[in-house]
Amino acid sequence: MNLRWIIALMFLLFLIEGTIMPWLIPDEWTGRIIPQFIFVFVLYASFYAGRHTALLLGIGFGLLQDVVFYGHLIGVHSFAMGLCGYVIGLMFEHKRIPMLTALSLIGMACLLYDTVIYFIYRVFRMTNESYVWALMDHIMPSLFLQLAFSLVLYVPVRRWFEGSYKKKSADDEE
């Protein structure tokens, strides 16, 4: 997949998670479920496009989220998204990842992402709640939404990335 198409798709996901998803989430779950579709796509980019691509996509789109949605501390989501994308890409670079492994890694990375954000907010005294409360209130409900989204997106994204990887390796052989 071309990097321009990745950025265009991620920008579309950014628009969907900011405009359509608030309408689809029930009113009583509005503050508890936080869609992070861009982060899931950053993780897929780390699996199939490499850690450096995931790092740059995470920093760029995390900064966009910081500016648009979370203006009180700029750079938190950018740092957490870039860090998680890089670490996951570092662990599984150049390996074919089965679906269950990919979904479990996405789940653990989403937990890591939300935990890093929580503790940064805790250090700067943006929150006074305990970690257990945050885990039960918004981290776990959001995790289930991210896992459902990543399950739906797994096959198309894998075909997209592996198709471009096969085409690129065939061009390298010639």
Protein backbone atom coordinates (compact mmCIF):
# COMPACT_ATOMS: atom_id res chain seq x y z
CA MET A 1 0.00 0.00 0.00
CA ASN A 2 1.26 3.41 -0.89
CA LEU A 3 1.94 5.79 2.00
CA ARG A 4 -0.43 8.35 0.47
CA TRP A 5 -3.27 5.84 0.63
CA ILE A 6 -2.41 4.97 4.22
CA ILE A 7 -2.52 8.63 5.24
CA ALA A 8 -5.78 9.19 3.34
CA LEU A 9 -7.39 6.16 4.99
CA MET A 10 -6.17 7.23 8.42
CA PHE A 11 -7.55 10.72 7.88
CA LEU A 12 -10.89 9.15 6.93
CA LEU A 13 -10.76 7.07 10.13
CA PHE A 14 -9.99 10.26 12.05
CA LEU A 15 -13.08 11.88 10.60
CA ILE A 16 -15.22 8.82 11.35
CA GLU A 17 -14.11 8.56 14.96
CA GLY A 18 -14.70 12.26 15.51
CA THR A 19 -17.99 12.76 13.68
CA ILE A 20 -19.94 9.53 13.20
CA MET A 21 -18.92 7.51 16.27
CA PRO A 22 -20.32 10.00 18.83
CA TRP A 23 -23.74 9.50 17.22
CA LEU A 24 -23.46 5.70 17.33
CA ILE A 25 -22.35 5.46 20.96
CA PRO A 26 -25.30 5.47 23.39
CA ASP A 27 -25.66 8.55 25.61
CA GLU A 28 -24.90 6.73 28.86
CA TRP A 29 -21.61 5.42 27.39
CA THR A 30 -20.52 8.70 25.79
CA GLY A 31 -17.69 9.53 28.20
CA ARG A 32 -16.70 5.91 28.74
CA ILE A 33 -16.18 4.51 25.24
CA ILE A 34 -13.46 6.34 23.34
CA PRO A 35 -12.96 5.14 19.75
CA GLN A 36 -9.29 4.95 18.77
CA PHE A 37 -9.46 3.60 15.24
CA ILE A 38 -6.36 5.51 14.16
CA PHE A 39 -4.33 3.77 16.84
CA VAL A 40 -5.51 0.36 15.63
CA PHE A 41 -4.41 1.27 12.12
CA VAL A 42 -1.03 2.47 13.44
CA LEU A 43 -0.62 -0.97 15.00
CA TYR A 44 -1.46 -2.67 11.72
CA ALA A 45 1.09 -0.41 10.04
CA SER A 46 3.66 -1.52 12.61
CA PHE A 47 2.91 -5.17 11.80
CA TYR A 48 3.09 -4.88 8.04
CA ALA A 49 4.86 -1.64 7.08
CA GLY A 50 7.53 -1.48 9.76
CA ARG A 51 8.26 0.27 13.01
CA HIS A 52 9.50 3.53 11.52
CA THR A 53 6.34 4.02 9.47
CA ALA A 54 4.24 3.29 12.55
CA LEU A 55 6.29 5.72 14.62
CA LEU A 56 5.80 8.55 12.12
CA LEU A 57 2.10 7.80 11.64
CA GLY A 58 1.59 7.58 15.40
CA ILE A 59 3.35 10.85 16.09
CA GLY A 60 1.57 12.68 13.27
CA PHE A 61 -1.96 11.48 13.88
CA GLY A 62 -1.50 11.49 17.66
CA LEU A 63 -0.56 15.16 17.44
CA LEU A 64 -3.63 15.75 15.29
CA GLN A 65 -5.76 14.11 17.99
CA ASP A 66 -4.04 16.16 20.68
CA VAL A 67 -4.81 19.41 18.88
CA VAL A 68 -8.39 18.61 17.88
CA PHE A 69 -9.74 16.57 20.81
CA TYR A 70 -7.44 16.90 23.83
CA GLY A 71 -6.16 20.46 23.93
CA HIS A 72 -5.22 20.67 27.60
CA LEU A 73 -1.95 18.70 27.20
CA ILE A 74 -0.38 18.70 23.74
CA GLY A 75 1.79 15.72 22.84
CA VAL A 76 0.48 13.03 25.18
CA HIS A 77 -1.38 11.02 22.56
CA SER A 78 1.34 11.67 20.02
CA PHE A 79 3.98 10.27 22.36
CA ALA A 80 1.91 7.27 23.44
CA MET A 81 0.78 6.35 19.93
CA GLY A 82 4.26 6.66 18.45
CA LEU A 83 5.83 4.72 21.33
CA CYS A 84 3.34 1.84 21.17
CA GLY A 85 3.53 1.61 17.38
CA TYR A 86 7.33 1.55 17.49
CA VAL A 87 7.55 -1.04 20.28
CA ILE A 88 5.06 -3.41 18.64
CA GLY A 89 6.80 -2.99 15.29
CA LEU A 90 10.17 -3.64 16.92
CA MET A 91 8.98 -6.90 18.45
CA PHE A 92 7.40 -8.36 15.33
CA GLU A 93 9.30 -6.95 12.39
CA HIS A 94 9.53 -9.22 9.34
CA LYS A 95 7.32 -11.92 10.85
CA ARG A 96 4.00 -13.16 9.56
CA ILE A 97 1.50 -12.68 12.36
CA PRO A 98 -1.59 -14.91 12.67
CA MET A 99 -4.96 -13.35 13.42
CA LEU A 100 -5.20 -14.35 17.09
CA THR A 101 -1.68 -13.11 17.79
CA ALA A 102 -2.44 -9.82 16.03
CA LEU A 103 -5.67 -9.33 17.99
CA SER A 104 -4.02 -10.14 21.30
CA LEU A 105 -1.15 -7.75 20.52
CA ILE A 106 -3.61 -5.03 19.58
CA GLY A 107 -5.44 -5.61 22.86
CA MET A 108 -2.23 -5.40 24.89
CA ALA A 109 -1.07 -2.34 22.94
CA CYS A 110 -4.42 -0.60 23.57
CA LEU A 111 -4.04 -1.32 27.28
CA LEU A 112 -0.47 0.01 27.16
CA TYR A 113 -1.57 3.11 25.24
CA ASP A 114 -4.35 3.98 27.70
CA THR A 115 -2.12 3.18 30.67
CA VAL A 116 0.64 5.49 29.43
CA ILE A 117 -1.89 8.26 28.87
CA TYR A 118 -3.42 7.72 32.32
CA PHE A 119 -0.07 7.89 34.10
CA ILE A 120 1.04 10.97 32.17
CA TYR A 121 -2.20 12.66 33.19
CA ARG A 122 -1.61 11.44 36.73
CA VAL A 123 1.91 12.91 36.81
CA PHE A 124 0.66 16.30 35.63
CA ARG A 125 -2.34 16.09 38.00
CA MET A 126 -4.93 16.17 35.26
CA THR A 127 -6.77 13.30 36.97
CA ASN A 128 -7.27 12.33 40.58
CA GLU A 129 -8.98 9.00 39.96
CA SER A 130 -7.33 5.67 40.74
CA TYR A 131 -6.01 3.42 38.00
CA VAL A 132 -8.52 0.69 38.86
CA TRP A 133 -11.36 3.16 38.40
CA ALA A 134 -9.95 4.32 35.05
CA LEU A 135 -9.47 0.71 33.97
CA MET A 136 -13.07 -0.21 34.71
CA ASP A 137 -14.63 3.08 33.66
CA HIS A 138 -13.17 3.78 30.24
CA ILE A 139 -10.13 1.64 29.40
CA MET A 140 -11.86 -1.76 29.28
CA PRO A 141 -15.05 -0.60 27.45
CA SER A 142 -12.90 1.18 24.87
CA LEU A 143 -10.70 -1.91 24.55
CA PHE A 144 -13.67 -4.01 23.43
CA LEU A 145 -14.56 -1.44 20.75
CA GLN A 146 -10.96 -1.39 19.47
CA LEU A 147 -10.81 -5.21 19.38
CA ALA A 148 -14.09 -5.43 17.46
CA PHE A 149 -12.84 -2.83 14.98
CA SER A 150 -9.49 -4.59 14.56
CA LEU A 151 -11.26 -7.91 13.98
CA VAL A 152 -13.37 -6.37 11.23
CA LEU A 153 -10.34 -4.70 9.66
CA TYR A 154 -7.86 -7.61 9.92
CA VAL A 155 -8.36 -9.36 6.57
CA PRO A 156 -8.64 -6.24 4.35
CA VAL A 157 -5.63 -4.56 5.95
CA ARG A 158 -3.49 -7.69 5.76
CA ARG A 159 -4.33 -8.14 2.07
CA TRP A 160 -3.62 -4.49 1.41
CA PHE A 161 -0.25 -4.46 3.11
CA GLU A 162 0.87 -7.92 1.95
CA GLY A 163 -0.18 -7.14 -1.63
CA SER A 164 2.04 -4.08 -1.66
CA TYR A 165 4.87 -6.01 0.04
CA LYS A 166 4.70 -8.80 -2.57
CA LYS A 167 4.63 -6.26 -5.38
CA LYS A 168 7.59 -4.40 -3.86
CA SER A 169 9.64 -7.60 -3.41
CA ALA A 170 8.84 -8.68 -6.97
CA ASP A 171 10.09 -5.31 -8.23
CA ASP A 172 13.26 -5.72 -6.14
CA GLU A 173 13.98 -9.14 -7.68
CA GLU A 174 13.83 -7.74 -11.21
